[in-house]
Amino acid sequence: MENISASSTKATASRGKSYSKKILTLLAAKPAISVSELTETIGGIGKEKHALTRSLKGLQEAGLIETHHSGQQAYSRLTREGKRKAHSAKLDHDTAVLNPSWDGKWRIVLLDLSEDRKAERDGLRYLLKKAGFVLLKNSVWISPYPLEHLFMNIKKDLGLTTEIMIFVTDTLDEETRKAFLSIV
C-alpha cells in the first residue's frame, strides 16, 4: 500500500510541475491571459483542475506570476522573475536546439549590471551559458550560435536597454579568436 501511495504522490508532483511549465509557456506568449482561458487551454477536470489551481497558486507565491481582477474576470501575467524563468525553461526544454552549423558570424554580448542587481546578473549569466555563450573577458560573452534574437527579446522584455549590448560580426582579430578557441 505504501508503494502505491508514494508513486501516486510522485505522479501528482510531476503533474504539478508539468502544469507550471505549461502555464509559464502560455504566459510567455502573451502579455496576460484570463484564468478561464488558461484552464480551457491546459484542460483540467476534477483532480486535474485542482492541480492546475495549485500550480497557479504556487507560481504566484513564488513571485513568477501575478493575478489581477478586472470586473468578473481574473487575468494572470508573468512578473519580471517569471519572464526570466520562462526564458530559462525554454532553454532547458529537450527540444531547444542549438544550431550546430556555424554561419560565419560571431555573437558578442556585453553585460553590464551593477553589484546591487546581482540576482539579475547571475540569471543572465546562467542563460548565456545555457545558450552556448562563453565568457571571454569580464562581462564579454561570445558564441558562434545564432541566438542573438533570444537575447534581444530578453533585453526588450526586461527593459535592459543600456545594460546589455549585442553585436553580430563576421570578423574577430586573431588573438580574440584564439582566446575563444582556447576556452572552448
N, C-alpha and C. Protein backbone atom coordinates (compact mmCIF):
# COMPACT_ATOMS: atom_id res chain seq x y z
N MET A 1 0.81 -1.19 0.00
CA MET A 1 0.00 0.00 0.00
C MET A 1 0.86 1.26 0.00
N GLU A 2 1.99 1.23 0.72
CA GLU A 2 2.88 2.40 0.76
C GLU A 2 3.43 2.73 -0.62
N ASN A 3 3.80 1.72 -1.40
CA ASN A 3 4.35 1.94 -2.73
C ASN A 3 3.36 2.63 -3.65
N ILE A 4 2.08 2.23 -3.57
CA ILE A 4 1.06 2.87 -4.40
C ILE A 4 0.92 4.32 -4.01
N SER A 5 0.89 4.59 -2.72
CA SER A 5 0.76 5.95 -2.22
C SER A 5 1.96 6.81 -2.64
N ALA A 6 3.17 6.26 -2.53
CA ALA A 6 4.38 7.01 -2.90
C ALA A 6 4.40 7.30 -4.39
N SER A 7 4.04 6.32 -5.22
CA SER A 7 4.05 6.56 -6.66
C SER A 7 2.95 7.54 -7.04
N SER A 8 1.82 7.51 -6.34
CA SER A 8 0.74 8.46 -6.59
C SER A 8 1.19 9.88 -6.26
N THR A 9 1.92 10.04 -5.16
CA THR A 9 2.43 11.35 -4.77
C THR A 9 3.42 11.86 -5.80
N LYS A 10 4.31 10.99 -6.28
CA LYS A 10 5.28 11.39 -7.30
C LYS A 10 4.57 11.80 -8.59
N ALA A 11 3.53 11.06 -8.98
CA ALA A 11 2.79 11.38 -10.20
C ALA A 11 2.11 12.73 -10.06
N THR A 12 1.53 13.01 -8.87
CA THR A 12 0.88 14.29 -8.64
C THR A 12 1.89 15.43 -8.69
N ALA A 13 3.06 15.24 -8.07
CA ALA A 13 4.11 16.28 -8.10
C ALA A 13 4.58 16.52 -9.52
N SER A 14 4.73 15.45 -10.28
CA SER A 14 5.16 15.56 -11.67
C SER A 14 4.13 16.32 -12.49
N ARG A 15 2.84 16.02 -12.26
CA ARG A 15 1.77 16.70 -12.96
C ARG A 15 1.78 18.19 -12.62
N GLY A 16 2.02 18.52 -11.34
CA GLY A 16 2.08 19.93 -10.91
C GLY A 16 3.18 20.68 -11.63
N LYS A 17 4.37 20.05 -11.75
CA LYS A 17 5.47 20.67 -12.47
C LYS A 17 5.12 20.86 -13.93
N SER A 18 4.42 19.86 -14.48
CA SER A 18 4.01 19.92 -15.88
C SER A 18 3.05 21.09 -16.09
N TYR A 19 2.08 21.25 -15.19
CA TYR A 19 1.15 22.38 -15.30
C TYR A 19 1.89 23.70 -15.17
N SER A 20 2.83 23.78 -14.25
CA SER A 20 3.58 25.02 -14.05
C SER A 20 4.33 25.40 -15.32
N LYS A 21 4.98 24.43 -15.96
CA LYS A 21 5.71 24.70 -17.20
C LYS A 21 4.75 25.15 -18.30
N LYS A 22 3.60 24.49 -18.41
CA LYS A 22 2.61 24.87 -19.42
C LYS A 22 2.10 26.28 -19.18
N ILE A 23 1.85 26.61 -17.92
CA ILE A 23 1.36 27.95 -17.59
C ILE A 23 2.41 29.00 -17.95
N LEU A 24 3.66 28.77 -17.56
CA LEU A 24 4.73 29.71 -17.89
C LEU A 24 4.88 29.87 -19.40
N THR A 25 4.79 28.77 -20.13
CA THR A 25 4.92 28.81 -21.59
C THR A 25 3.79 29.64 -22.21
N LEU A 26 2.56 29.41 -21.76
CA LEU A 26 1.43 30.17 -22.30
C LEU A 26 1.53 31.65 -21.96
N LEU A 27 1.91 31.96 -20.73
CA LEU A 27 2.01 33.36 -20.32
C LEU A 27 3.19 34.07 -21.00
N ALA A 28 4.21 33.32 -21.38
CA ALA A 28 5.35 33.93 -22.08
C ALA A 28 4.96 34.38 -23.48
N ALA A 29 3.90 33.78 -24.03
CA ALA A 29 3.48 34.09 -25.39
C ALA A 29 2.56 35.31 -25.47
N LYS A 30 1.98 35.71 -24.34
CA LYS A 30 1.03 36.83 -24.34
C LYS A 30 1.29 37.74 -23.13
N PRO A 31 0.91 39.00 -23.24
CA PRO A 31 1.10 39.90 -22.09
C PRO A 31 0.30 39.47 -20.85
N ALA A 32 -0.93 38.96 -21.07
CA ALA A 32 -1.77 38.48 -19.97
C ALA A 32 -2.80 37.52 -20.55
N ILE A 33 -3.24 36.59 -19.71
CA ILE A 33 -4.25 35.60 -20.12
C ILE A 33 -5.25 35.46 -18.99
N SER A 34 -6.52 35.36 -19.35
CA SER A 34 -7.53 35.15 -18.32
C SER A 34 -7.35 33.76 -17.71
N VAL A 35 -7.68 33.67 -16.45
CA VAL A 35 -7.53 32.39 -15.76
C VAL A 35 -8.44 31.34 -16.40
N SER A 36 -9.61 31.76 -16.85
CA SER A 36 -10.51 30.80 -17.51
C SER A 36 -9.92 30.31 -18.83
N GLU A 37 -9.23 31.18 -19.58
CA GLU A 37 -8.58 30.75 -20.82
C GLU A 37 -7.43 29.78 -20.53
N LEU A 38 -6.69 30.05 -19.46
CA LEU A 38 -5.62 29.11 -19.06
C LEU A 38 -6.21 27.74 -18.77
N THR A 39 -7.31 27.72 -18.01
CA THR A 39 -7.95 26.46 -17.65
C THR A 39 -8.44 25.73 -18.89
N GLU A 40 -9.06 26.47 -19.82
CA GLU A 40 -9.56 25.84 -21.06
C GLU A 40 -8.41 25.31 -21.91
N THR A 41 -7.35 26.10 -22.04
CA THR A 41 -6.23 25.74 -22.91
C THR A 41 -5.48 24.52 -22.37
N ILE A 42 -5.20 24.54 -21.08
CA ILE A 42 -4.43 23.46 -20.48
C ILE A 42 -5.32 22.26 -20.19
N GLY A 43 -6.59 22.54 -19.95
CA GLY A 43 -7.51 21.44 -19.63
C GLY A 43 -7.59 21.28 -18.14
N GLY A 44 -8.35 20.33 -17.74
CA GLY A 44 -8.44 20.06 -16.31
C GLY A 44 -9.87 19.89 -15.85
N ILE A 45 -10.15 18.71 -15.38
CA ILE A 45 -11.46 18.38 -14.84
C ILE A 45 -11.21 17.69 -13.51
N GLY A 46 -11.98 18.03 -12.51
CA GLY A 46 -11.86 17.35 -11.22
C GLY A 46 -10.50 17.55 -10.58
N LYS A 47 -9.78 16.43 -10.35
CA LYS A 47 -8.47 16.47 -9.70
C LYS A 47 -7.47 17.26 -10.53
N GLU A 48 -7.57 17.14 -11.86
CA GLU A 48 -6.65 17.87 -12.73
C GLU A 48 -6.86 19.38 -12.60
N LYS A 49 -8.11 19.80 -12.48
CA LYS A 49 -8.41 21.23 -12.31
C LYS A 49 -7.83 21.72 -10.98
N HIS A 50 -7.92 20.87 -9.97
CA HIS A 50 -7.35 21.21 -8.66
C HIS A 50 -5.82 21.36 -8.76
N ALA A 51 -5.18 20.45 -9.50
CA ALA A 51 -3.72 20.52 -9.69
C ALA A 51 -3.35 21.80 -10.44
N LEU A 52 -4.14 22.17 -11.43
CA LEU A 52 -3.90 23.40 -12.18
C LEU A 52 -4.03 24.62 -11.26
N THR A 53 -5.05 24.63 -10.44
CA THR A 53 -5.26 25.73 -9.48
C THR A 53 -4.10 25.82 -8.50
N ARG A 54 -3.64 24.67 -8.01
CA ARG A 54 -2.49 24.64 -7.09
C ARG A 54 -1.23 25.17 -7.78
N SER A 55 -1.05 24.79 -9.05
CA SER A 55 0.12 25.27 -9.80
C SER A 55 0.07 26.79 -9.95
N LEU A 56 -1.10 27.32 -10.28
CA LEU A 56 -1.24 28.79 -10.39
C LEU A 56 -0.91 29.47 -9.06
N LYS A 57 -1.43 28.92 -7.98
CA LYS A 57 -1.17 29.48 -6.65
C LYS A 57 0.32 29.40 -6.31
N GLY A 58 0.96 28.25 -6.61
CA GLY A 58 2.38 28.07 -6.33
C GLY A 58 3.24 29.05 -7.13
N LEU A 59 2.89 29.26 -8.40
CA LEU A 59 3.64 30.22 -9.24
C LEU A 59 3.48 31.64 -8.71
N GLN A 60 2.28 31.94 -8.22
CA GLN A 60 2.04 33.28 -7.67
C GLN A 60 2.83 33.46 -6.37
N GLU A 61 2.82 32.45 -5.51
CA GLU A 61 3.57 32.53 -4.25
C GLU A 61 5.07 32.62 -4.50
N ALA A 62 5.54 32.00 -5.58
CA ALA A 62 6.97 32.05 -5.92
C ALA A 62 7.35 33.38 -6.58
N GLY A 63 6.36 34.22 -6.83
CA GLY A 63 6.65 35.52 -7.43
C GLY A 63 6.87 35.46 -8.94
N LEU A 64 6.41 34.38 -9.58
CA LEU A 64 6.62 34.23 -11.02
C LEU A 64 5.45 34.76 -11.83
N ILE A 65 4.26 34.76 -11.24
CA ILE A 65 3.10 35.34 -11.92
C ILE A 65 2.35 36.23 -10.95
N GLU A 66 1.56 37.12 -11.51
CA GLU A 66 0.68 37.94 -10.69
C GLU A 66 -0.70 37.90 -11.32
N THR A 67 -1.73 37.98 -10.48
CA THR A 67 -3.10 37.91 -10.95
C THR A 67 -3.79 39.23 -10.64
N HIS A 68 -4.50 39.74 -11.64
CA HIS A 68 -5.25 40.98 -11.50
C HIS A 68 -6.71 40.69 -11.80
N HIS A 69 -7.60 41.33 -11.06
CA HIS A 69 -9.03 41.14 -11.27
C HIS A 69 -9.59 42.36 -11.98
N SER A 70 -10.35 42.10 -13.03
CA SER A 70 -10.96 43.16 -13.80
C SER A 70 -12.42 42.79 -13.98
N GLY A 71 -13.28 43.44 -13.25
CA GLY A 71 -14.70 43.09 -13.32
C GLY A 71 -14.92 41.68 -12.80
N GLN A 72 -15.46 40.82 -13.66
CA GLN A 72 -15.74 39.44 -13.25
C GLN A 72 -14.65 38.48 -13.69
N GLN A 73 -13.63 38.98 -14.33
CA GLN A 73 -12.58 38.13 -14.89
C GLN A 73 -11.26 38.33 -14.15
N ALA A 74 -10.52 37.25 -13.95
CA ALA A 74 -9.18 37.33 -13.36
C ALA A 74 -8.16 37.07 -14.46
N TYR A 75 -7.11 37.86 -14.50
CA TYR A 75 -6.06 37.71 -15.50
C TYR A 75 -4.73 37.46 -14.82
N SER A 76 -3.93 36.60 -15.44
CA SER A 76 -2.60 36.32 -14.92
C SER A 76 -1.57 36.80 -15.93
N ARG A 77 -0.43 37.23 -15.41
CA ARG A 77 0.69 37.61 -16.28
C ARG A 77 1.99 37.31 -15.55
N LEU A 78 3.06 37.22 -16.34
CA LEU A 78 4.37 36.94 -15.76
C LEU A 78 4.93 38.18 -15.08
N THR A 79 5.62 37.96 -13.99
CA THR A 79 6.38 39.03 -13.37
C THR A 79 7.74 39.07 -14.08
N ARG A 80 8.58 40.00 -13.70
CA ARG A 80 9.92 40.07 -14.29
C ARG A 80 10.68 38.76 -14.04
N GLU A 81 10.58 38.26 -12.82
CA GLU A 81 11.24 36.99 -12.48
C GLU A 81 10.60 35.84 -13.26
N GLY A 82 9.30 35.90 -13.47
CA GLY A 82 8.61 34.88 -14.25
C GLY A 82 9.06 34.86 -15.70
N LYS A 83 9.30 36.04 -16.27
CA LYS A 83 9.80 36.11 -17.65
C LYS A 83 11.18 35.46 -17.73
N ARG A 84 12.01 35.74 -16.74
CA ARG A 84 13.35 35.15 -16.71
C ARG A 84 13.26 33.62 -16.62
N LYS A 85 12.36 33.15 -15.76
CA LYS A 85 12.18 31.70 -15.57
C LYS A 85 11.64 31.06 -16.85
N ALA A 86 10.73 31.74 -17.53
CA ALA A 86 10.15 31.19 -18.76
C ALA A 86 11.22 31.08 -19.84
N HIS A 87 12.09 32.09 -19.95
CA HIS A 87 13.19 32.02 -20.92
C HIS A 87 14.14 30.88 -20.57
N SER A 88 14.41 30.73 -19.28
CA SER A 88 15.30 29.66 -18.83
C SER A 88 14.67 28.29 -19.12
N ALA A 89 13.38 28.16 -18.87
CA ALA A 89 12.69 26.89 -19.13
C ALA A 89 12.72 26.57 -20.62
N LYS A 90 12.61 27.59 -21.43
CA LYS A 90 12.66 27.38 -22.88
C LYS A 90 14.02 26.81 -23.28
N LEU A 91 15.09 27.31 -22.68
CA LEU A 91 16.43 26.80 -22.98
C LEU A 91 16.63 25.39 -22.43
N ASP A 92 15.99 25.09 -21.29
CA ASP A 92 16.13 23.77 -20.67
C ASP A 92 15.32 22.70 -21.40
N HIS A 93 14.33 23.11 -22.15
CA HIS A 93 13.43 22.17 -22.80
C HIS A 93 14.20 21.23 -23.73
N ASP A 94 13.80 20.00 -23.75
CA ASP A 94 14.50 18.99 -24.55
C ASP A 94 14.55 19.32 -26.04
N THR A 95 13.56 20.06 -26.54
CA THR A 95 13.54 20.34 -27.97
C THR A 95 14.28 21.62 -28.31
N ALA A 96 14.81 22.33 -27.32
CA ALA A 96 15.60 23.53 -27.61
C ALA A 96 16.89 23.08 -28.27
N VAL A 97 17.11 23.55 -29.49
CA VAL A 97 18.25 23.08 -30.27
C VAL A 97 19.18 24.24 -30.58
N LEU A 98 20.45 24.02 -30.33
CA LEU A 98 21.45 24.97 -30.79
C LEU A 98 21.82 24.57 -32.20
N ASN A 99 21.87 25.53 -33.07
CA ASN A 99 22.22 25.24 -34.45
C ASN A 99 23.70 24.89 -34.50
N PRO A 100 24.05 23.63 -34.81
CA PRO A 100 25.44 23.22 -34.78
C PRO A 100 26.26 23.75 -35.96
N SER A 101 25.59 24.23 -36.99
CA SER A 101 26.35 24.73 -38.14
C SER A 101 26.61 26.23 -37.97
N TRP A 102 27.85 26.59 -38.14
CA TRP A 102 28.25 27.97 -37.95
C TRP A 102 28.00 28.75 -39.24
N ASP A 103 27.38 29.90 -39.12
CA ASP A 103 27.07 30.72 -40.29
C ASP A 103 28.16 31.75 -40.58
N GLY A 104 29.30 31.63 -39.87
CA GLY A 104 30.42 32.54 -40.11
C GLY A 104 30.35 33.84 -39.32
N LYS A 105 29.35 33.95 -38.44
CA LYS A 105 29.20 35.18 -37.66
C LYS A 105 29.35 34.88 -36.17
N TRP A 106 29.90 35.84 -35.48
CA TRP A 106 30.10 35.74 -34.04
C TRP A 106 29.05 36.61 -33.35
N ARG A 107 28.52 36.10 -32.26
CA ARG A 107 27.59 36.87 -31.44
C ARG A 107 28.33 37.29 -30.18
N ILE A 108 28.34 38.57 -29.92
CA ILE A 108 29.04 39.10 -28.75
C ILE A 108 28.03 39.85 -27.91
N VAL A 109 27.95 39.48 -26.64
CA VAL A 109 27.03 40.13 -25.71
C VAL A 109 27.86 40.78 -24.61
N LEU A 110 27.65 42.08 -24.41
CA LEU A 110 28.27 42.81 -23.31
C LEU A 110 27.21 42.96 -22.23
N LEU A 111 27.54 42.53 -21.05
CA LEU A 111 26.61 42.54 -19.92
C LEU A 111 27.16 43.47 -18.85
N ASP A 112 26.40 44.50 -18.49
CA ASP A 112 26.88 45.46 -17.51
C ASP A 112 25.78 45.76 -16.50
N LEU A 113 25.70 44.91 -15.46
CA LEU A 113 24.75 45.12 -14.38
C LEU A 113 25.52 45.34 -13.08
N SER A 114 25.12 46.36 -12.34
CA SER A 114 25.84 46.72 -11.11
C SER A 114 25.67 45.65 -10.03
N GLU A 115 26.49 45.74 -9.00
CA GLU A 115 26.52 44.76 -7.92
C GLU A 115 25.17 44.67 -7.20
N ASP A 116 24.43 45.78 -7.12
CA ASP A 116 23.14 45.75 -6.44
C ASP A 116 22.07 45.00 -7.25
N ARG A 117 22.39 44.61 -8.47
CA ARG A 117 21.49 43.82 -9.32
C ARG A 117 22.09 42.43 -9.57
N LYS A 118 22.75 41.90 -8.55
CA LYS A 118 23.48 40.64 -8.67
C LYS A 118 22.58 39.48 -9.10
N ALA A 119 21.37 39.40 -8.57
CA ALA A 119 20.48 38.29 -8.92
C ALA A 119 20.15 38.31 -10.41
N GLU A 120 19.86 39.49 -10.95
CA GLU A 120 19.58 39.61 -12.38
C GLU A 120 20.81 39.23 -13.20
N ARG A 121 21.95 39.73 -12.77
CA ARG A 121 23.20 39.45 -13.48
C ARG A 121 23.49 37.96 -13.50
N ASP A 122 23.32 37.29 -12.36
CA ASP A 122 23.55 35.85 -12.29
C ASP A 122 22.56 35.09 -13.18
N GLY A 123 21.32 35.53 -13.21
CA GLY A 123 20.32 34.90 -14.06
C GLY A 123 20.68 35.03 -15.53
N LEU A 124 21.14 36.20 -15.93
CA LEU A 124 21.54 36.41 -17.33
C LEU A 124 22.78 35.59 -17.67
N ARG A 125 23.73 35.51 -16.75
CA ARG A 125 24.92 34.68 -16.98
C ARG A 125 24.53 33.23 -17.19
N TYR A 126 23.59 32.76 -16.37
CA TYR A 126 23.11 31.38 -16.50
C TYR A 126 22.52 31.16 -17.89
N LEU A 127 21.67 32.10 -18.34
CA LEU A 127 21.06 31.98 -19.67
C LEU A 127 22.11 31.99 -20.78
N LEU A 128 23.10 32.86 -20.64
CA LEU A 128 24.16 32.91 -21.64
C LEU A 128 24.89 31.57 -21.73
N LYS A 129 25.21 31.01 -20.57
CA LYS A 129 25.90 29.70 -20.56
C LYS A 129 25.03 28.62 -21.19
N LYS A 130 23.74 28.60 -20.83
CA LYS A 130 22.83 27.59 -21.38
C LYS A 130 22.69 27.73 -22.89
N ALA A 131 22.86 28.95 -23.40
CA ALA A 131 22.73 29.19 -24.84
C ALA A 131 24.04 28.96 -25.58
N GLY A 132 25.07 28.51 -24.86
CA GLY A 132 26.33 28.18 -25.52
C GLY A 132 27.31 29.34 -25.62
N PHE A 133 27.05 30.43 -24.91
CA PHE A 133 27.99 31.54 -24.90
C PHE A 133 29.13 31.22 -23.93
N VAL A 134 30.28 31.78 -24.22
CA VAL A 134 31.47 31.58 -23.40
C VAL A 134 31.92 32.94 -22.89
N LEU A 135 32.28 33.01 -21.60
CA LEU A 135 32.80 34.25 -21.03
C LEU A 135 34.21 34.46 -21.56
N LEU A 136 34.38 35.51 -22.35
CA LEU A 136 35.67 35.78 -22.96
C LEU A 136 36.53 36.64 -22.04
N LYS A 137 35.92 37.69 -21.49
CA LYS A 137 36.66 38.61 -20.63
C LYS A 137 35.65 39.40 -19.82
N ASN A 138 35.81 39.39 -18.50
CA ASN A 138 34.92 40.09 -17.58
C ASN A 138 33.45 39.93 -17.99
N SER A 139 32.85 40.92 -18.60
CA SER A 139 31.43 40.85 -18.94
C SER A 139 31.20 40.71 -20.44
N VAL A 140 32.16 40.10 -21.13
CA VAL A 140 32.05 39.93 -22.58
C VAL A 140 31.82 38.44 -22.87
N TRP A 141 30.68 38.16 -23.49
CA TRP A 141 30.30 36.79 -23.82
C TRP A 141 30.30 36.63 -25.34
N ILE A 142 30.72 35.47 -25.82
CA ILE A 142 30.83 35.26 -27.27
C ILE A 142 30.34 33.86 -27.63
N SER A 143 29.72 33.77 -28.81
CA SER A 143 29.22 32.49 -29.28
C SER A 143 29.10 32.50 -30.80
N PRO A 144 29.29 31.34 -31.42
CA PRO A 144 29.05 31.24 -32.86
C PRO A 144 27.60 30.90 -33.19
N TYR A 145 26.77 30.63 -32.16
CA TYR A 145 25.40 30.20 -32.39
C TYR A 145 24.48 31.38 -32.67
N PRO A 146 23.57 31.24 -33.62
CA PRO A 146 22.66 32.34 -33.99
C PRO A 146 21.51 32.50 -33.00
N LEU A 147 21.83 32.93 -31.79
CA LEU A 147 20.81 33.11 -30.76
C LEU A 147 20.70 34.57 -30.31
N GLU A 148 21.20 35.49 -31.11
CA GLU A 148 21.13 36.88 -30.71
C GLU A 148 19.70 37.35 -30.54
N HIS A 149 18.76 36.81 -31.33
CA HIS A 149 17.35 37.19 -31.22
C HIS A 149 16.80 36.89 -29.82
N LEU A 150 17.23 35.79 -29.23
CA LEU A 150 16.79 35.42 -27.89
C LEU A 150 17.19 36.50 -26.89
N PHE A 151 18.45 36.94 -26.98
CA PHE A 151 18.93 37.95 -26.02
C PHE A 151 18.40 39.35 -26.35
N MET A 152 18.06 39.59 -27.61
CA MET A 152 17.40 40.85 -27.95
C MET A 152 16.01 40.90 -27.31
N ASN A 153 15.31 39.74 -27.31
CA ASN A 153 14.00 39.67 -26.66
C ASN A 153 14.12 39.82 -25.15
N ILE A 154 15.11 39.17 -24.56
CA ILE A 154 15.33 39.30 -23.11
C ILE A 154 15.62 40.75 -22.77
N LYS A 155 16.47 41.38 -23.55
CA LYS A 155 16.82 42.78 -23.34
C LYS A 155 15.57 43.65 -23.37
N LYS A 156 14.72 43.42 -24.35
CA LYS A 156 13.49 44.19 -24.51
C LYS A 156 12.51 43.88 -23.38
N ASP A 157 12.27 42.58 -23.11
CA ASP A 157 11.29 42.17 -22.10
C ASP A 157 11.65 42.67 -20.71
N LEU A 158 12.92 42.66 -20.37
CA LEU A 158 13.35 43.05 -19.03
C LEU A 158 13.74 44.52 -18.94
N GLY A 159 13.63 45.24 -20.07
CA GLY A 159 13.94 46.67 -20.06
C GLY A 159 15.41 46.97 -19.79
N LEU A 160 16.30 46.14 -20.30
CA LEU A 160 17.74 46.31 -20.07
C LEU A 160 18.39 47.01 -21.27
N THR A 161 17.87 48.17 -21.62
CA THR A 161 18.30 48.86 -22.84
C THR A 161 19.77 49.27 -22.84
N THR A 162 20.29 49.67 -21.69
CA THR A 162 21.69 50.09 -21.64
C THR A 162 22.59 49.07 -20.96
N GLU A 163 21.99 48.06 -20.31
CA GLU A 163 22.78 47.09 -19.55
C GLU A 163 23.28 45.93 -20.41
N ILE A 164 22.64 45.71 -21.54
CA ILE A 164 23.06 44.64 -22.45
C ILE A 164 23.28 45.24 -23.84
N MET A 165 24.43 44.92 -24.42
CA MET A 165 24.72 45.32 -25.80
C MET A 165 25.00 44.04 -26.57
N ILE A 166 24.45 43.96 -27.79
CA ILE A 166 24.57 42.76 -28.59
C ILE A 166 25.18 43.13 -29.94
N PHE A 167 26.23 42.40 -30.31
CA PHE A 167 26.91 42.63 -31.58
C PHE A 167 26.93 41.32 -32.37
N VAL A 168 26.76 41.45 -33.67
CA VAL A 168 26.92 40.30 -34.57
C VAL A 168 27.96 40.74 -35.59
N THR A 169 29.03 39.95 -35.71
CA THR A 169 30.11 40.33 -36.61
C THR A 169 30.66 39.09 -37.31
N ASP A 170 31.24 39.30 -38.47
CA ASP A 170 31.86 38.17 -39.15
C ASP A 170 33.38 38.19 -39.00
N THR A 171 33.89 39.19 -38.28
CA THR A 171 35.34 39.34 -38.15
C THR A 171 35.75 39.47 -36.68
N LEU A 172 36.74 38.68 -36.30
CA LEU A 172 37.39 38.80 -34.99
C LEU A 172 38.88 38.89 -35.26
N ASP A 173 39.56 39.65 -34.44
CA ASP A 173 41.02 39.66 -34.61
C ASP A 173 41.56 38.30 -34.18
N GLU A 174 42.72 37.97 -34.65
CA GLU A 174 43.30 36.64 -34.46
C GLU A 174 43.47 36.27 -32.98
N GLU A 175 43.88 37.23 -32.15
CA GLU A 175 44.09 36.95 -30.73
C GLU A 175 42.76 36.63 -30.03
N THR A 176 41.70 37.34 -30.38
CA THR A 176 40.39 37.09 -29.79
C THR A 176 39.87 35.72 -30.21
N ARG A 177 40.02 35.39 -31.48
CA ARG A 177 39.59 34.09 -31.98
C ARG A 177 40.34 32.98 -31.26
N LYS A 178 41.66 33.13 -31.09
CA LYS A 178 42.46 32.13 -30.37
C LYS A 178 42.02 32.02 -28.91
N ALA A 179 41.74 33.17 -28.28
CA ALA A 179 41.29 33.16 -26.89
C ALA A 179 39.98 32.39 -26.76
N PHE A 180 39.06 32.61 -27.69
CA PHE A 180 37.79 31.87 -27.67
C PHE A 180 38.02 30.38 -27.84
N LEU A 181 38.83 30.02 -28.81
CA LEU A 181 39.10 28.60 -29.07
C LEU A 181 39.82 27.92 -27.92
N SER A 182 40.64 28.67 -27.19
CA SER A 182 41.34 28.08 -26.05
C SER A 182 40.41 27.82 -24.88
N ILE A 183 39.33 28.59 -24.78
CA ILE A 183 38.35 28.41 -23.71
C ILE A 183 37.42 27.25 -24.01
N VAL A 184 37.05 27.15 -25.27
CA VAL A 184 36.09 26.11 -25.67
C VAL A 184 36.83 24.83 -25.71
